[in-house]
């Protein structure tokens, strides 16, 4: 999808289109040139996605919308390496819970395919299941420990290594 179509989707107030657009924006989170299109439209995106019933009981679907907005804000306001998005915390809007969360959908294998990171090593549990990956950002060389977990869905917890 092109940026204009994504903008039309995310501002449509159709929950499925909003979710679809947010996921696409997240997919391009490390591509500042792609995200720049949305920066002048940020206030409209926030207004049009406010108070939607996005659903998701165990894992609120609102996290996709809020993180897409966080990505646009990041590229508007920061000059840091985009790998910071792996560990960026944010609050869910439209939620009674006021705790900060991290986006847990950054699959390290897909990040390698996009040439955002490289694998240093993979650690396994009982030589069968992935416990965690050690990875490095291709741009700034920061290293992360990425724990792979599965419950209601597959997710990844990224932590920066000192």
N, C-alpha and C. Protein backbone atom coordinates (compact mmCIF):
# COMPACT_ATOMS: atom_id res chain seq x y z
N UNK A 1 0.83 -1.19 0.00
CA UNK A 1 0.00 0.00 0.00
C UNK A 1 0.87 1.25 0.00
N UNK A 2 0.45 2.24 -0.73
CA UNK A 2 1.16 3.52 -0.74
C UNK A 2 0.73 4.36 0.46
N UNK A 3 1.52 5.35 0.79
CA UNK A 3 1.27 6.17 1.97
C UNK A 3 -0.12 6.85 1.94
N UNK A 4 -0.51 7.36 0.79
CA UNK A 4 -1.81 8.04 0.71
C UNK A 4 -2.95 7.08 1.04
N UNK A 5 -2.88 5.88 0.53
CA UNK A 5 -3.91 4.88 0.82
C UNK A 5 -3.87 4.49 2.31
N UNK A 6 -2.67 4.35 2.86
CA UNK A 6 -2.55 4.05 4.29
C UNK A 6 -3.14 5.17 5.13
N UNK A 7 -2.89 6.41 4.74
CA UNK A 7 -3.46 7.55 5.46
C UNK A 7 -5.00 7.49 5.39
N UNK A 8 -5.54 7.21 4.22
CA UNK A 8 -7.01 7.12 4.08
C UNK A 8 -7.57 5.99 4.94
N UNK A 9 -6.86 4.88 5.03
CA UNK A 9 -7.30 3.76 5.86
C UNK A 9 -7.25 4.12 7.35
N UNK A 10 -6.13 4.68 7.78
CA UNK A 10 -5.97 4.91 9.22
C UNK A 10 -6.92 6.01 9.72
N UNK A 11 -7.37 6.87 8.84
CA UNK A 11 -8.30 7.94 9.24
C UNK A 11 -9.75 7.61 8.90
N UNK A 12 -10.01 6.41 8.43
CA UNK A 12 -11.35 6.02 7.96
C UNK A 12 -12.35 5.74 9.09
N UNK A 13 -11.86 5.47 10.29
CA UNK A 13 -12.65 5.06 11.45
C UNK A 13 -13.26 3.67 11.27
N UNK A 14 -12.88 2.96 10.24
CA UNK A 14 -13.23 1.55 10.04
C UNK A 14 -12.13 0.75 10.74
N UNK A 15 -12.49 0.09 11.83
CA UNK A 15 -11.49 -0.56 12.69
C UNK A 15 -10.57 -1.51 11.94
N UNK A 16 -11.11 -2.27 11.00
CA UNK A 16 -10.28 -3.21 10.25
C UNK A 16 -9.27 -2.46 9.38
N UNK A 17 -9.71 -1.40 8.71
CA UNK A 17 -8.79 -0.61 7.88
C UNK A 17 -7.77 0.13 8.74
N UNK A 18 -8.19 0.63 9.87
CA UNK A 18 -7.28 1.32 10.78
C UNK A 18 -6.19 0.35 11.25
N UNK A 19 -6.60 -0.84 11.66
CA UNK A 19 -5.65 -1.86 12.10
C UNK A 19 -4.69 -2.23 10.98
N UNK A 20 -5.21 -2.45 9.77
CA UNK A 20 -4.40 -2.83 8.63
C UNK A 20 -3.36 -1.75 8.31
N UNK A 21 -3.79 -0.51 8.32
CA UNK A 21 -2.88 0.61 8.05
C UNK A 21 -1.81 0.72 9.13
N UNK A 22 -2.22 0.61 10.39
CA UNK A 22 -1.27 0.70 11.50
C UNK A 22 -0.20 -0.38 11.39
N UNK A 23 -0.60 -1.59 11.05
CA UNK A 23 0.37 -2.68 10.89
C UNK A 23 1.36 -2.39 9.76
N UNK A 24 0.89 -1.79 8.68
CA UNK A 24 1.78 -1.42 7.58
C UNK A 24 2.76 -0.34 8.00
N UNK A 25 2.28 0.65 8.74
CA UNK A 25 3.17 1.71 9.23
C UNK A 25 4.24 1.11 10.13
N UNK A 26 3.84 0.17 10.99
CA UNK A 26 4.81 -0.50 11.87
C UNK A 26 5.83 -1.26 11.03
N UNK A 27 5.38 -1.90 9.97
CA UNK A 27 6.28 -2.65 9.09
C UNK A 27 7.38 -1.75 8.52
N UNK A 28 7.06 -0.50 8.26
CA UNK A 28 8.02 0.46 7.70
C UNK A 28 8.61 1.38 8.77
N UNK A 29 8.56 0.97 10.01
CA UNK A 29 8.96 1.83 11.13
C UNK A 29 10.39 2.33 11.05
N UNK A 30 11.27 1.59 10.41
CA UNK A 30 12.68 1.98 10.33
C UNK A 30 13.01 2.75 9.05
N UNK A 31 12.01 2.98 8.23
CA UNK A 31 12.20 3.69 6.97
C UNK A 31 11.70 5.13 7.12
N UNK A 32 12.60 6.00 7.55
CA UNK A 32 12.22 7.39 7.83
C UNK A 32 11.63 8.07 6.60
N UNK A 33 12.14 7.79 5.42
CA UNK A 33 11.62 8.41 4.20
C UNK A 33 10.16 8.03 3.98
N UNK A 34 9.81 6.78 4.27
CA UNK A 34 8.43 6.33 4.13
C UNK A 34 7.53 6.99 5.17
N UNK A 35 8.00 7.07 6.40
CA UNK A 35 7.21 7.60 7.51
C UNK A 35 7.04 9.12 7.41
N UNK A 36 7.96 9.82 6.78
CA UNK A 36 7.88 11.29 6.68
C UNK A 36 6.55 11.77 6.12
N UNK A 37 5.96 11.00 5.25
CA UNK A 37 4.67 11.38 4.65
C UNK A 37 3.61 11.65 5.72
N UNK A 38 3.63 10.88 6.80
CA UNK A 38 2.59 10.93 7.82
C UNK A 38 2.78 12.06 8.84
N UNK A 39 3.99 12.60 8.92
CA UNK A 39 4.29 13.60 9.95
C UNK A 39 3.36 14.82 9.89
N UNK A 40 3.12 15.44 8.72
CA UNK A 40 2.21 16.60 8.71
C UNK A 40 0.75 16.24 9.02
N UNK A 41 0.44 14.95 8.96
CA UNK A 41 -0.94 14.49 9.20
C UNK A 41 -1.13 13.90 10.59
N UNK A 42 -0.12 14.03 11.43
CA UNK A 42 -0.14 13.37 12.74
C UNK A 42 -1.36 13.76 13.57
N UNK A 43 -1.68 15.03 13.67
CA UNK A 43 -2.83 15.44 14.50
C UNK A 43 -4.13 14.88 13.94
N UNK A 44 -4.27 14.81 12.64
CA UNK A 44 -5.48 14.21 12.03
C UNK A 44 -5.56 12.73 12.35
N UNK A 45 -4.43 12.03 12.26
CA UNK A 45 -4.41 10.59 12.57
C UNK A 45 -4.81 10.36 14.02
N UNK A 46 -4.27 11.15 14.93
CA UNK A 46 -4.61 11.01 16.35
C UNK A 46 -6.10 11.28 16.56
N UNK A 47 -6.60 12.33 15.95
CA UNK A 47 -8.03 12.67 16.10
C UNK A 47 -8.94 11.58 15.55
N UNK A 48 -8.63 11.07 14.37
CA UNK A 48 -9.50 10.09 13.70
C UNK A 48 -9.41 8.69 14.30
N UNK A 49 -8.35 8.40 15.05
CA UNK A 49 -8.23 7.08 15.67
C UNK A 49 -8.64 7.10 17.14
N UNK A 50 -9.01 8.27 17.64
CA UNK A 50 -9.41 8.40 19.03
C UNK A 50 -10.77 7.73 19.29
N UNK A 51 -10.84 7.02 20.40
CA UNK A 51 -12.07 6.40 20.89
C UNK A 51 -12.68 5.38 19.93
N UNK A 52 -11.82 4.65 19.23
CA UNK A 52 -12.30 3.52 18.42
C UNK A 52 -12.32 2.29 19.31
N UNK A 53 -13.22 1.40 19.06
CA UNK A 53 -13.30 0.12 19.78
C UNK A 53 -12.54 -0.92 18.95
N UNK A 54 -11.24 -1.04 19.20
CA UNK A 54 -10.38 -1.89 18.37
C UNK A 54 -10.42 -3.37 18.75
N UNK A 55 -10.98 -3.69 19.92
CA UNK A 55 -11.10 -5.08 20.31
C UNK A 55 -9.79 -5.68 20.79
N UNK A 56 -9.83 -6.99 21.00
CA UNK A 56 -8.66 -7.71 21.49
C UNK A 56 -8.65 -7.77 22.99
N UNK A 57 -8.99 -8.91 23.55
CA UNK A 57 -9.09 -9.03 25.00
C UNK A 57 -7.74 -9.28 25.65
N UNK A 58 -7.05 -10.35 25.24
CA UNK A 58 -5.77 -10.70 25.84
C UNK A 58 -4.67 -9.72 25.44
N UNK A 59 -4.74 -9.27 24.21
CA UNK A 59 -3.75 -8.33 23.68
C UNK A 59 -4.52 -7.27 22.90
N UNK A 60 -4.74 -6.11 23.50
CA UNK A 60 -5.57 -5.08 22.86
C UNK A 60 -5.04 -4.66 21.49
N UNK A 61 -5.92 -4.66 20.51
CA UNK A 61 -5.54 -4.24 19.16
C UNK A 61 -5.20 -2.76 19.09
N UNK A 62 -5.58 -2.02 20.10
CA UNK A 62 -5.24 -0.60 20.16
C UNK A 62 -3.73 -0.39 20.15
N UNK A 63 -2.97 -1.42 20.57
CA UNK A 63 -1.52 -1.28 20.62
C UNK A 63 -0.92 -1.03 19.24
N UNK A 64 -1.55 -1.57 18.20
CA UNK A 64 -1.04 -1.36 16.85
C UNK A 64 -1.21 0.10 16.43
N UNK A 65 -2.39 0.66 16.70
CA UNK A 65 -2.67 2.05 16.36
C UNK A 65 -1.76 2.98 17.15
N UNK A 66 -1.69 2.76 18.45
CA UNK A 66 -0.87 3.63 19.30
C UNK A 66 0.61 3.55 18.95
N UNK A 67 1.08 2.36 18.59
CA UNK A 67 2.49 2.24 18.24
C UNK A 67 2.77 2.87 16.88
N UNK A 68 1.84 2.76 15.94
CA UNK A 68 2.01 3.44 14.65
C UNK A 68 2.13 4.94 14.87
N UNK A 69 1.31 5.49 15.74
CA UNK A 69 1.39 6.91 16.08
C UNK A 69 2.73 7.22 16.74
N UNK A 70 3.19 6.35 17.63
CA UNK A 70 4.47 6.52 18.31
C UNK A 70 5.62 6.55 17.30
N UNK A 71 5.53 5.73 16.27
CA UNK A 71 6.55 5.69 15.22
C UNK A 71 6.61 7.03 14.48
N UNK A 72 5.44 7.55 14.13
CA UNK A 72 5.39 8.84 13.43
C UNK A 72 5.96 9.94 14.33
N UNK A 73 5.58 9.93 15.61
CA UNK A 73 6.11 10.92 16.56
C UNK A 73 7.63 10.78 16.68
N UNK A 74 8.10 9.55 16.74
CA UNK A 74 9.54 9.30 16.85
C UNK A 74 10.28 9.96 15.68
N UNK A 75 9.82 9.70 14.47
CA UNK A 75 10.51 10.24 13.29
C UNK A 75 10.33 11.75 13.17
N UNK A 76 9.30 12.28 13.78
CA UNK A 76 9.10 13.74 13.79
C UNK A 76 10.06 14.41 14.76
N UNK A 77 10.26 13.80 15.92
CA UNK A 77 10.94 14.47 17.02
C UNK A 77 12.36 14.03 17.32
N UNK A 78 12.80 12.89 16.82
CA UNK A 78 14.07 12.34 17.26
C UNK A 78 15.03 12.12 16.11
N UNK A 79 16.26 12.22 16.43
CA UNK A 79 17.32 11.92 15.48
C UNK A 79 18.04 10.63 15.87
N UNK A 80 17.55 9.95 16.93
CA UNK A 80 18.15 8.69 17.36
C UNK A 80 18.03 7.65 16.25
N UNK A 81 18.79 6.60 16.41
CA UNK A 81 18.66 5.46 15.51
C UNK A 81 17.27 4.84 15.72
N UNK A 82 16.68 4.40 14.65
CA UNK A 82 15.33 3.83 14.74
C UNK A 82 15.29 2.52 15.53
N UNK A 83 16.44 1.93 15.85
CA UNK A 83 16.42 0.72 16.68
C UNK A 83 15.87 1.02 18.08
N UNK A 84 15.84 2.30 18.45
CA UNK A 84 15.24 2.70 19.72
C UNK A 84 13.77 2.25 19.80
N UNK A 85 13.12 2.13 18.64
CA UNK A 85 11.71 1.70 18.61
C UNK A 85 11.52 0.28 19.16
N UNK A 86 12.56 -0.54 19.11
CA UNK A 86 12.46 -1.90 19.65
C UNK A 86 12.19 -1.89 21.16
N UNK A 87 12.64 -0.84 21.83
CA UNK A 87 12.52 -0.80 23.30
C UNK A 87 11.66 0.35 23.79
N UNK A 88 11.14 1.16 22.88
CA UNK A 88 10.32 2.33 23.23
C UNK A 88 9.06 1.90 23.97
N UNK A 89 8.77 2.58 25.07
CA UNK A 89 7.55 2.31 25.83
C UNK A 89 6.50 3.37 25.50
N UNK A 90 5.24 2.97 25.58
CA UNK A 90 4.15 3.89 25.30
C UNK A 90 2.91 3.48 26.09
N UNK A 91 1.98 4.39 26.22
CA UNK A 91 0.71 4.11 26.90
C UNK A 91 -0.36 3.79 25.87
N UNK A 92 -1.23 2.86 26.22
CA UNK A 92 -2.38 2.58 25.36
C UNK A 92 -3.40 3.69 25.55
N UNK A 93 -3.87 4.26 24.46
CA UNK A 93 -4.97 5.21 24.57
C UNK A 93 -6.26 4.40 24.69
N UNK A 94 -7.32 5.04 25.06
CA UNK A 94 -8.63 4.37 25.18
C UNK A 94 -8.59 3.17 26.12
N UNK A 95 -7.71 3.19 27.10
CA UNK A 95 -7.57 2.06 28.01
C UNK A 95 -7.70 2.52 29.46
N UNK A 96 -8.31 1.68 30.25
CA UNK A 96 -8.39 1.96 31.68
C UNK A 96 -7.05 1.71 32.35
N UNK A 97 -6.24 0.82 31.74
CA UNK A 97 -4.92 0.53 32.27
C UNK A 97 -3.98 1.66 31.89
N UNK A 98 -3.30 2.20 32.85
CA UNK A 98 -2.40 3.33 32.59
C UNK A 98 -0.93 2.92 32.63
N UNK A 99 -0.66 1.65 32.39
CA UNK A 99 0.73 1.21 32.43
C UNK A 99 1.39 1.38 31.06
N UNK A 100 2.71 1.49 31.10
CA UNK A 100 3.46 1.58 29.86
C UNK A 100 3.72 0.18 29.33
N UNK A 101 3.71 0.06 28.01
CA UNK A 101 4.01 -1.22 27.37
C UNK A 101 5.04 -0.99 26.27
N UNK A 102 5.65 -2.08 25.82
CA UNK A 102 6.51 -2.05 24.64
C UNK A 102 5.79 -2.83 23.56
N UNK A 103 5.96 -2.43 22.33
CA UNK A 103 5.41 -3.19 21.21
C UNK A 103 6.15 -4.52 21.14
N UNK A 104 5.41 -5.61 21.07
CA UNK A 104 6.04 -6.93 21.15
C UNK A 104 5.97 -7.72 19.84
N UNK A 105 5.73 -7.03 18.74
CA UNK A 105 5.57 -7.71 17.46
C UNK A 105 6.76 -7.65 16.52
N UNK A 106 7.89 -7.11 16.98
CA UNK A 106 9.07 -7.05 16.11
C UNK A 106 9.73 -8.42 16.06
N UNK A 107 9.43 -9.16 15.02
CA UNK A 107 10.01 -10.48 14.80
C UNK A 107 11.46 -10.29 14.31
N UNK A 108 12.44 -10.75 15.08
CA UNK A 108 13.83 -10.52 14.67
C UNK A 108 14.17 -11.13 13.31
N UNK A 109 13.54 -12.22 12.94
CA UNK A 109 13.82 -12.82 11.62
C UNK A 109 13.41 -11.87 10.50
N UNK A 110 12.28 -11.21 10.69
CA UNK A 110 11.82 -10.24 9.67
C UNK A 110 12.69 -8.99 9.68
N UNK A 111 13.18 -8.63 10.87
CA UNK A 111 14.07 -7.47 10.96
C UNK A 111 15.39 -7.74 10.26
N UNK A 112 15.85 -8.99 10.30
CA UNK A 112 17.06 -9.38 9.56
C UNK A 112 16.79 -9.29 8.06
N UNK A 113 15.63 -9.79 7.61
CA UNK A 113 15.27 -9.74 6.19
C UNK A 113 15.23 -8.30 5.68
N UNK A 114 14.81 -7.37 6.54
CA UNK A 114 14.74 -5.95 6.16
C UNK A 114 16.10 -5.26 6.33
N UNK A 115 17.10 -6.04 6.76
CA UNK A 115 18.46 -5.55 6.97
C UNK A 115 18.55 -4.46 8.03
N UNK A 116 17.67 -4.55 9.04
CA UNK A 116 17.72 -3.64 10.18
C UNK A 116 18.68 -4.14 11.26
N UNK A 117 18.78 -5.47 11.39
CA UNK A 117 19.64 -6.09 12.39
C UNK A 117 20.35 -7.29 11.78
N UNK A 118 21.35 -7.77 12.51
CA UNK A 118 21.99 -9.06 12.18
C UNK A 118 21.94 -9.93 13.42
N UNK A 119 21.90 -11.23 13.21
CA UNK A 119 21.98 -12.18 14.32
C UNK A 119 23.42 -12.35 14.74
N UNK A 120 23.65 -12.35 16.04
CA UNK A 120 24.96 -12.68 16.59
C UNK A 120 24.94 -14.14 17.01
N UNK A 121 23.90 -14.52 17.76
CA UNK A 121 23.74 -15.91 18.18
C UNK A 121 22.28 -16.18 18.53
N UNK A 122 21.93 -17.46 18.54
CA UNK A 122 20.61 -17.90 18.97
C UNK A 122 20.80 -18.92 20.08
N UNK A 123 20.11 -18.71 21.20
CA UNK A 123 20.19 -19.64 22.33
C UNK A 123 18.89 -20.43 22.41
N UNK A 124 19.02 -21.74 22.61
CA UNK A 124 17.87 -22.63 22.61
C UNK A 124 17.62 -23.23 23.98
N UNK A 125 16.39 -23.65 24.20
CA UNK A 125 15.99 -24.42 25.38
C UNK A 125 15.93 -25.88 24.94
N UNK A 126 16.67 -26.74 25.62
CA UNK A 126 16.70 -28.17 25.30
C UNK A 126 17.01 -28.44 23.83
N UNK A 127 17.78 -27.58 23.21
CA UNK A 127 18.17 -27.72 21.80
C UNK A 127 16.96 -27.77 20.85
N UNK A 128 15.79 -27.31 21.31
CA UNK A 128 14.57 -27.38 20.50
C UNK A 128 13.93 -26.02 20.27
N UNK A 129 13.72 -25.28 21.35
CA UNK A 129 12.94 -24.04 21.28
C UNK A 129 13.85 -22.84 21.47
N UNK A 130 13.56 -21.82 20.70
CA UNK A 130 14.35 -20.59 20.84
C UNK A 130 14.05 -19.97 22.20
N UNK A 131 15.09 -19.68 22.95
CA UNK A 131 14.97 -18.95 24.21
C UNK A 131 15.14 -17.46 23.91
N UNK A 132 16.28 -17.13 23.28
CA UNK A 132 16.50 -15.74 22.92
C UNK A 132 17.54 -15.64 21.81
N UNK A 133 17.56 -14.47 21.20
CA UNK A 133 18.55 -14.13 20.18
C UNK A 133 19.40 -12.99 20.71
N UNK A 134 20.65 -12.97 20.34
CA UNK A 134 21.48 -11.78 20.51
C UNK A 134 21.63 -11.19 19.12
N UNK A 135 21.28 -9.90 19.00
CA UNK A 135 21.27 -9.26 17.68
C UNK A 135 21.99 -7.91 17.76
N UNK A 136 22.32 -7.38 16.59
CA UNK A 136 22.99 -6.09 16.52
C UNK A 136 22.33 -5.24 15.44
N UNK A 137 22.12 -3.98 15.76
CA UNK A 137 21.57 -3.02 14.81
C UNK A 137 22.57 -2.78 13.69
N UNK A 138 22.13 -2.82 12.46
CA UNK A 138 23.03 -2.60 11.32
C UNK A 138 23.46 -1.15 11.19
N UNK A 139 22.68 -0.22 11.75
CA UNK A 139 23.01 1.20 11.61
C UNK A 139 23.97 1.68 12.70
N UNK A 140 23.60 1.46 13.97
CA UNK A 140 24.38 2.06 15.07
C UNK A 140 25.18 1.04 15.88
N UNK A 141 24.99 -0.25 15.57
CA UNK A 141 25.72 -1.34 16.22
C UNK A 141 25.31 -1.62 17.66
N UNK A 142 24.17 -1.03 18.11
CA UNK A 142 23.65 -1.39 19.44
C UNK A 142 23.27 -2.87 19.42
N UNK A 143 23.43 -3.48 20.58
CA UNK A 143 23.08 -4.90 20.69
C UNK A 143 21.88 -5.09 21.59
N UNK A 144 21.10 -6.13 21.26
CA UNK A 144 19.88 -6.42 21.98
C UNK A 144 19.77 -7.91 22.26
N UNK A 145 19.15 -8.21 23.38
CA UNK A 145 18.74 -9.58 23.69
C UNK A 145 17.25 -9.62 23.40
N UNK A 146 16.84 -10.55 22.54
CA UNK A 146 15.44 -10.64 22.11
C UNK A 146 14.90 -11.99 22.53
N UNK A 147 14.00 -11.97 23.52
CA UNK A 147 13.39 -13.21 24.01
C UNK A 147 12.17 -13.53 23.17
N UNK A 148 12.11 -14.78 22.73
CA UNK A 148 10.97 -15.23 21.94
C UNK A 148 10.03 -16.01 22.84
N UNK A 149 8.76 -15.65 22.82
CA UNK A 149 7.77 -16.31 23.67
C UNK A 149 6.49 -16.56 22.89
N UNK A 150 5.72 -17.50 23.38
CA UNK A 150 4.45 -17.81 22.74
C UNK A 150 3.41 -18.03 23.83
N UNK A 151 2.25 -17.48 23.60
CA UNK A 151 1.12 -17.64 24.50
C UNK A 151 -0.12 -17.61 23.64
N UNK A 152 -0.89 -16.56 23.80
CA UNK A 152 -2.06 -16.33 22.94
C UNK A 152 -1.59 -16.08 21.50
N UNK A 153 -0.37 -15.59 21.36
CA UNK A 153 0.25 -15.31 20.07
C UNK A 153 1.77 -15.30 20.27
N UNK A 154 2.53 -15.36 19.20
CA UNK A 154 3.99 -15.30 19.28
C UNK A 154 4.39 -13.84 19.51
N UNK A 155 5.33 -13.62 20.45
CA UNK A 155 5.79 -12.27 20.71
C UNK A 155 7.26 -12.27 21.08
N UNK A 156 7.86 -11.05 21.03
CA UNK A 156 9.28 -10.91 21.28
C UNK A 156 9.50 -9.75 22.23
N UNK A 157 10.35 -9.97 23.22
CA UNK A 157 10.70 -8.93 24.19
C UNK A 157 12.14 -8.50 23.92
N UNK A 158 12.29 -7.24 23.52
CA UNK A 158 13.60 -6.69 23.18
C UNK A 158 14.16 -5.92 24.38
N UNK A 159 15.42 -6.17 24.69
CA UNK A 159 16.12 -5.42 25.74
C UNK A 159 17.49 -5.04 25.24
N UNK A 160 17.85 -3.78 25.42
CA UNK A 160 19.16 -3.30 25.01
C UNK A 160 20.22 -3.86 25.94
N UNK A 161 21.34 -4.29 25.35
CA UNK A 161 22.46 -4.77 26.15
C UNK A 161 23.43 -3.61 26.36
N UNK A 162 24.00 -3.56 27.53
CA UNK A 162 24.96 -2.48 27.84
C UNK A 162 26.31 -2.80 27.22
